[in-house]
Protein backbone atom coordinates (compact mmCIF):
# COMPACT_ATOMS: atom_id res chain seq x y z
CA MET A 1 27.54 16.47 7.81
CA SER A 2 23.88 16.52 6.70
CA ASN A 3 20.92 16.05 9.02
CA GLU A 4 20.10 12.76 7.35
CA ARG A 5 23.56 11.34 7.97
CA ARG A 6 23.57 12.50 11.55
CA GLY A 7 20.14 11.05 12.13
CA GLY A 8 21.03 7.60 10.89
CA SER A 9 18.96 8.02 7.70
CA ARG A 10 21.70 8.59 5.18
CA ARG A 11 20.68 9.76 1.72
CA GLU A 12 21.12 7.01 -0.83
CA SER A 13 23.60 7.28 -3.65
CA SER A 14 22.53 7.63 -7.27
CA GLY A 15 21.17 4.05 -7.08
CA GLY A 16 18.41 5.52 -4.92
CA GLN A 17 17.35 2.40 -3.06
CA GLN A 18 15.09 2.46 -0.03
CA PRO A 19 17.11 3.51 3.05
CA ARG A 20 18.62 0.60 4.94
CA ARG A 21 17.37 0.32 8.48
CA PRO A 22 20.11 1.00 10.99
CA ASP A 23 21.30 -1.39 13.64
CA HIS A 24 18.94 -1.62 16.61
CA SER A 25 21.74 -1.63 19.14
CA GLY A 26 22.31 1.31 21.43
CA LYS A 27 19.73 3.89 22.38
CA GLY A 28 16.42 3.41 20.60
CA GLY A 29 14.18 0.52 19.63
CA LYS A 30 11.30 1.77 21.79
CA ASN A 31 7.77 0.55 21.24
CA PHE A 32 5.24 2.81 22.91
CA ARG A 33 1.94 1.58 24.27
CA GLY A 34 -0.22 0.70 21.32
CA GLY A 35 2.92 0.89 19.27
CA SER A 36 4.34 -1.21 16.52
CA SER A 37 5.60 -4.56 17.69
CA ALA A 38 6.05 -7.08 14.89
CA LYS A 39 2.58 -8.48 15.63
CA SER A 40 0.85 -5.11 15.84
CA ARG A 41 2.53 -3.87 12.66
CA ALA A 42 1.29 -6.93 10.81
CA GLN A 43 -2.21 -6.37 12.17
CA ALA A 44 -2.13 -2.71 11.18
CA ASN A 45 -1.22 -3.59 7.60
CA ALA A 46 -3.54 -6.57 7.23
CA PRO A 47 -6.41 -6.18 4.76
CA ARG A 48 -9.70 -5.29 6.40
CA ARG A 49 -12.04 -7.38 4.33
CA LYS A 50 -15.61 -7.97 5.43
CA PRO A 51 -16.56 -11.59 6.17
CA ALA A 52 -17.96 -13.30 3.11
CA GLN A 53 -21.74 -13.52 3.08
CA PRO A 54 -23.34 -16.92 2.53
CA ALA A 55 -24.04 -17.39 -1.16
CA GLU A 56 -27.59 -17.85 -2.32
CA GLN A 57 -28.17 -21.60 -2.37
CA GLY A 58 -28.15 -23.06 -5.86
CA ARG A 59 -27.94 -19.70 -7.66
CA ASP A 60 -26.89 -20.23 -11.27
CA VAL A 61 -23.93 -18.09 -12.34
CA HIS A 62 -23.71 -19.62 -15.81
CA VAL A 63 -23.81 -17.09 -18.66
CA GLU A 64 -24.85 -18.35 -22.07
CA GLY A 65 -22.30 -17.28 -24.66
CA GLY A 66 -19.73 -16.52 -21.96
CA VAL A 67 -16.19 -17.83 -21.58
CA ARG A 68 -15.48 -21.13 -19.86
CA LEU A 69 -14.41 -20.51 -16.29
CA GLN A 70 -11.25 -22.63 -16.56
CA LYS A 71 -10.14 -20.61 -19.59
CA VAL A 72 -10.72 -17.35 -17.73
CA LEU A 73 -8.65 -18.58 -14.79
CA ALA A 74 -5.83 -19.74 -17.03
CA GLN A 75 -5.76 -16.37 -18.83
CA ALA A 76 -5.59 -14.66 -15.43
CA GLY A 77 -2.41 -16.56 -14.62
CA LEU A 78 -3.77 -19.31 -12.37
CA GLY A 79 -1.90 -21.96 -14.34
CA SER A 80 -2.88 -24.23 -17.20
CA ARG A 81 -6.49 -25.03 -18.03
CA ARG A 82 -6.01 -28.46 -16.49
CA ALA A 83 -4.76 -26.89 -13.26
CA SER A 84 -7.66 -24.44 -13.34
CA GLU A 85 -10.11 -27.33 -13.82
CA GLU A 86 -8.69 -28.98 -10.71
CA LEU A 87 -9.19 -25.77 -8.71
CA ILE A 88 -12.82 -25.67 -9.83
CA ALA A 89 -13.50 -29.35 -9.19
CA LYS A 90 -12.06 -29.12 -5.67
CA GLY A 91 -14.30 -26.18 -4.75
CA HIS A 92 -11.62 -23.49 -4.58
CA VAL A 93 -13.37 -21.09 -6.95
CA GLU A 94 -16.25 -18.67 -6.27
CA VAL A 95 -18.11 -16.69 -8.92
CA ASP A 96 -20.24 -13.82 -7.63
CA GLY A 97 -20.21 -15.40 -4.17
CA GLN A 98 -21.24 -18.85 -5.41
CA VAL A 99 -18.87 -21.83 -5.17
CA VAL A 100 -18.58 -23.41 -8.61
CA THR A 101 -17.52 -27.04 -9.05
CA GLU A 102 -18.88 -27.78 -12.53
CA LEU A 103 -16.44 -27.53 -15.42
CA GLY A 104 -18.98 -26.44 -18.00
CA VAL A 105 -19.78 -23.08 -16.38
CA ARG A 106 -19.29 -20.01 -18.54
CA ILE A 107 -18.98 -16.48 -17.20
CA ASP A 108 -18.68 -12.92 -18.46
CA PRO A 109 -15.15 -11.80 -17.47
CA ALA A 110 -16.20 -8.15 -17.76
CA THR A 111 -18.80 -8.40 -14.99
CA ALA A 112 -18.07 -11.54 -12.93
CA VAL A 113 -16.40 -11.30 -9.53
CA VAL A 114 -14.13 -14.33 -9.09
CA HIS A 115 -12.28 -15.42 -5.97
CA VAL A 116 -9.87 -18.35 -5.63
CA ASP A 117 -9.38 -19.48 -2.04
CA GLY A 118 -10.81 -16.13 -0.94
CA LEU A 119 -8.41 -14.07 -3.08
CA ARG A 120 -9.98 -11.71 -5.64
CA ILE A 121 -8.73 -12.36 -9.17
CA GLN A 122 -8.42 -9.47 -11.60
CA LEU A 123 -9.94 -10.74 -14.83
CA ASP A 124 -9.69 -7.56 -16.89
CA GLN A 125 -6.26 -7.79 -18.48
CA ALA A 126 -6.48 -4.15 -19.56
CA LYS A 127 -6.37 -3.04 -15.92
CA VAL A 128 -3.00 -2.69 -14.24
CA THR A 129 -1.75 -1.45 -10.88
CA ILE A 130 1.89 -0.57 -10.35
CA ALA A 131 4.12 0.43 -7.46
CA LEU A 132 6.47 3.40 -7.89
CA ASN A 133 9.35 4.48 -5.68
CA LYS A 134 8.99 8.27 -5.93
CA PRO A 135 12.31 10.13 -5.68
CA LEU A 136 12.95 13.41 -3.92
CA GLY A 137 11.98 16.50 -5.89
CA VAL A 138 9.28 14.78 -7.95
CA VAL A 139 5.74 16.08 -7.48
CA SER A 140 2.81 13.68 -7.21
CA THR A 141 0.93 15.06 -10.20
CA MET A 142 0.73 14.14 -13.86
CA ASP A 143 1.43 17.74 -14.93
CA ASP A 144 3.06 20.70 -13.20
CA PRO A 145 2.67 24.32 -14.36
CA LYS A 146 5.97 25.20 -12.67
CA GLY A 147 7.84 22.75 -14.85
CA ARG A 148 8.99 20.51 -11.99
CA PRO A 149 9.54 16.79 -12.64
CA THR A 150 6.33 14.80 -12.15
CA VAL A 151 5.21 11.23 -11.67
CA ALA A 152 4.19 11.23 -15.34
CA ASP A 153 7.86 11.62 -16.30
CA LEU A 154 8.63 8.32 -14.59
CA ILE A 155 5.99 6.27 -16.42
CA LYS A 156 6.46 7.56 -19.97
CA ASN A 157 7.02 4.01 -21.18
CA ARG A 158 3.56 2.85 -20.00
CA GLU A 159 0.85 2.75 -22.64
CA GLU A 160 -1.99 2.78 -20.09
CA ARG A 161 -3.48 6.03 -18.84
CA LEU A 162 -2.52 5.72 -15.19
CA PHE A 163 -3.39 7.96 -12.27
CA HIS A 164 -1.81 7.97 -8.85
CA VAL A 165 -3.49 6.93 -5.60
CA GLY A 166 -2.75 9.42 -2.84
CA ARG A 167 0.20 11.80 -2.76
CA LEU A 168 3.68 12.34 -1.43
CA ASP A 169 4.99 15.90 -1.31
CA ALA A 170 8.07 16.79 -3.32
CA ASP A 171 10.30 16.56 -0.22
CA SER A 172 9.17 13.00 0.55
CA GLU A 173 10.15 9.70 -1.01
CA GLY A 174 8.82 6.21 -1.34
CA LEU A 175 5.82 4.17 -2.34
CA LEU A 176 3.09 5.45 -4.61
CA LEU A 177 0.48 3.29 -6.32
CA LEU A 178 -0.70 4.06 -9.84
CA THR A 179 -3.59 2.34 -11.61
CA ASN A 180 -6.10 2.59 -14.42
CA ASP A 181 -8.70 0.81 -12.29
CA GLY A 182 -10.98 3.66 -11.25
CA GLU A 183 -12.97 1.71 -8.68
CA LEU A 184 -9.83 0.46 -6.94
CA ALA A 185 -8.35 3.97 -6.90
CA ASN A 186 -11.53 5.46 -5.44
CA ARG A 187 -11.72 2.91 -2.66
CA LEU A 188 -8.05 3.16 -1.77
CA SER A 189 -8.49 6.92 -1.40
CA HIS A 190 -11.75 6.72 0.57
CA PRO A 191 -11.39 7.15 4.37
CA LYS A 192 -14.06 4.46 4.89
CA TYR A 193 -11.52 1.71 4.19
CA GLU A 194 -8.76 3.12 6.43
CA ILE A 195 -5.82 1.72 4.49
CA ALA A 196 -2.77 1.79 6.76
CA LYS A 197 0.39 3.48 5.51
CA THR A 198 3.86 2.91 6.97
CA TYR A 199 6.67 5.47 6.96
CA LEU A 200 10.33 5.56 7.95
CA VAL A 201 10.88 9.05 9.37
CA THR A 202 13.96 10.93 10.57
CA VAL A 203 13.26 13.83 12.94
CA GLU A 204 15.22 16.37 14.94
CA GLY A 205 15.68 15.77 18.67
CA GLU A 206 15.38 12.81 21.01
CA ILE A 207 12.02 11.06 21.15
CA PHE A 208 10.99 10.48 24.76
CA PRO A 209 8.17 8.06 25.70
CA ARG A 210 5.74 10.93 26.36
CA VAL A 211 6.12 12.05 22.73
CA GLY A 212 5.30 8.62 21.38
CA LYS A 213 2.28 8.37 23.65
CA GLN A 214 1.13 11.81 22.54
CA LEU A 215 1.32 10.82 18.87
CA LEU A 216 -0.75 7.72 19.59
CA LYS A 217 -3.30 9.57 21.70
CA GLY A 218 -3.75 12.39 19.20
CA VAL A 219 -2.26 15.74 18.23
CA GLU A 220 -4.32 18.90 17.75
CA LEU A 221 -3.79 20.38 14.27
CA ASP A 222 -5.46 23.33 12.58
CA ASP A 223 -7.81 20.94 10.76
CA GLY A 224 -8.59 18.66 13.70
CA ILE A 225 -7.03 15.96 15.84
CA ALA A 226 -4.73 13.41 14.16
CA LYS A 227 -3.31 10.25 15.70
CA MET A 228 -0.90 7.51 14.73
CA ASP A 229 -1.63 3.79 14.97
CA ALA A 230 1.90 2.71 15.84
CA VAL A 231 5.17 4.42 16.74
CA HIS A 232 8.48 2.57 16.93
CA VAL A 233 11.80 4.29 17.58
CA VAL A 234 14.37 2.51 15.43
CA GLN A 235 17.45 4.51 16.43
CA GLN A 236 18.51 7.75 18.14
CA ILE A 237 21.91 9.31 17.62
CA ASP A 238 23.54 12.76 17.65
CA GLY A 239 20.31 14.62 18.35
CA PHE A 240 18.24 12.91 15.66
CA ALA A 241 15.80 10.01 15.77
CA MET A 242 14.63 7.52 13.18
CA LEU A 243 11.15 6.09 13.66
CA GLU A 244 8.82 3.70 11.88
CA ILE A 245 5.25 4.92 12.15
CA VAL A 246 1.89 3.62 10.92
CA LEU A 247 -1.26 5.68 10.39
CA HIS A 248 -4.47 5.69 8.37
CA GLU A 249 -4.65 9.47 8.01
CA GLY A 250 -4.56 10.85 4.48
CA ARG A 251 -4.59 14.59 5.07
CA ASN A 252 -2.04 16.81 3.36
CA ARG A 253 1.48 16.56 4.85
CA ILE A 254 -0.03 14.89 7.90
CA VAL A 255 3.15 13.16 9.13
CA ARG A 256 5.26 16.31 8.92
CA ARG A 257 2.58 18.41 10.61
CA MET A 258 2.16 15.95 13.47
CA PHE A 259 5.88 15.82 14.25
CA GLU A 260 6.11 19.60 13.93
CA ALA A 261 3.28 19.92 16.45
CA VAL A 262 5.20 17.87 19.03
CA GLY A 263 8.44 19.79 18.46
CA HIS A 264 10.34 17.36 16.23
CA PRO A 265 10.61 18.63 12.63
CA VAL A 266 11.02 15.95 9.97
CA THR A 267 14.30 15.88 8.04
CA ARG A 268 13.53 12.82 5.91
CA LEU A 269 10.36 10.87 5.18
CA VAL A 270 10.04 7.63 3.18
CA ARG A 271 6.76 5.74 2.73
CA THR A 272 7.55 2.04 2.88
CA ARG A 273 4.14 0.37 2.70
CA ILE A 274 0.53 0.97 1.64
CA GLY A 275 -1.77 -1.63 3.18
CA PRO A 276 -0.42 -5.05 2.18
CA VAL A 277 1.90 -3.63 -0.52
CA PRO A 278 5.54 -3.05 0.52
CA LEU A 279 8.08 -0.82 -1.16
CA GLY A 280 10.61 -3.61 -0.76
CA ASP A 281 13.87 -3.22 -2.67
CA LEU A 282 12.34 -1.20 -5.51
CA LYS A 283 14.91 1.38 -6.60
CA SER A 284 14.20 5.09 -6.63
CA GLY A 285 12.40 6.16 -9.81
CA ARG A 286 11.56 2.60 -10.81
CA THR A 287 8.22 0.81 -11.05
CA ARG A 288 6.91 -2.74 -10.79
CA VAL A 289 3.54 -4.25 -11.64
CA LEU A 290 1.74 -5.75 -8.65
CA GLY A 291 1.57 -9.53 -8.77
CA ARG A 292 -1.67 -11.50 -8.67
CA THR A 293 -1.55 -12.28 -4.95
CA GLU A 294 -0.43 -8.78 -4.01
CA LEU A 295 -3.17 -7.18 -6.12
CA GLY A 296 -5.83 -9.59 -4.89
CA THR A 297 -4.94 -8.87 -1.28
CA LEU A 298 -5.06 -5.12 -1.95
CA MET A 299 -8.47 -5.45 -3.59
CA GLY A 300 -9.70 -7.51 -0.67
CA ALA A 301 -8.59 -4.76 1.71
CA VAL A 302 -11.15 -2.43 0.10
CA ASP A 303 -13.89 -5.07 -0.25
CA LEU A 304 -13.56 -5.61 -3.98
């Protein structure tokens, strides 16, 4: 019997779906201090957007020769032009920080920053962000000199020139984001914005409370101290433990190195969430384009 089966994190069949969480009965289900209760997990994954600054009173955002705002909103998927006009008239729409209620306003979609009810709207239809469920054995690069399968092999049908945000090593599975929006990619990768990432991890050995507290307090690695934001033991059985952990760290193989440092080598690792974006039921090797709300929330998390 494999380690994954014995640890309650059974390898999926050829369908390759995200591993099903085991039953919480029996030994396990521990939340350590500072750990991941439902409330704290939601807080850890919530977008960290700065409070909106008061707009300059009366500033004119109208651009001569631009596109009518209601047309821009309709093209961005906010509904019909009539529905978009209602959003404007009721004060739900901001352009460059200024609430717009007049229907004759024109904007430049290439430069304007538009929010509807506080949610950033992507106006550039050429830009796309997708979620990918990376399978085992695939490297997080667009080209590999060793001839191993790469992320690029999984998006051959995409016409856009996409690049991945962050990495997962070949032995890890789960959520990767790919985009052709350079500014979004840069901010998601920048430590300033501290985007939380959630993992479902199977490790060797029983996880005692002192181990969870140590992971939260910080572990000394060869490149400095690393700490987790939340640690929740989902299940322990037959000398293996499955945990859900949250952290903002982005260093190479950080999760594996932290568990190795506390004496619990990782046997399986699946990333299930990046900020507000969940892996959900996306099958292994498949992709999906982020929806408007999902993308807007992600952009808000990095102050776009």
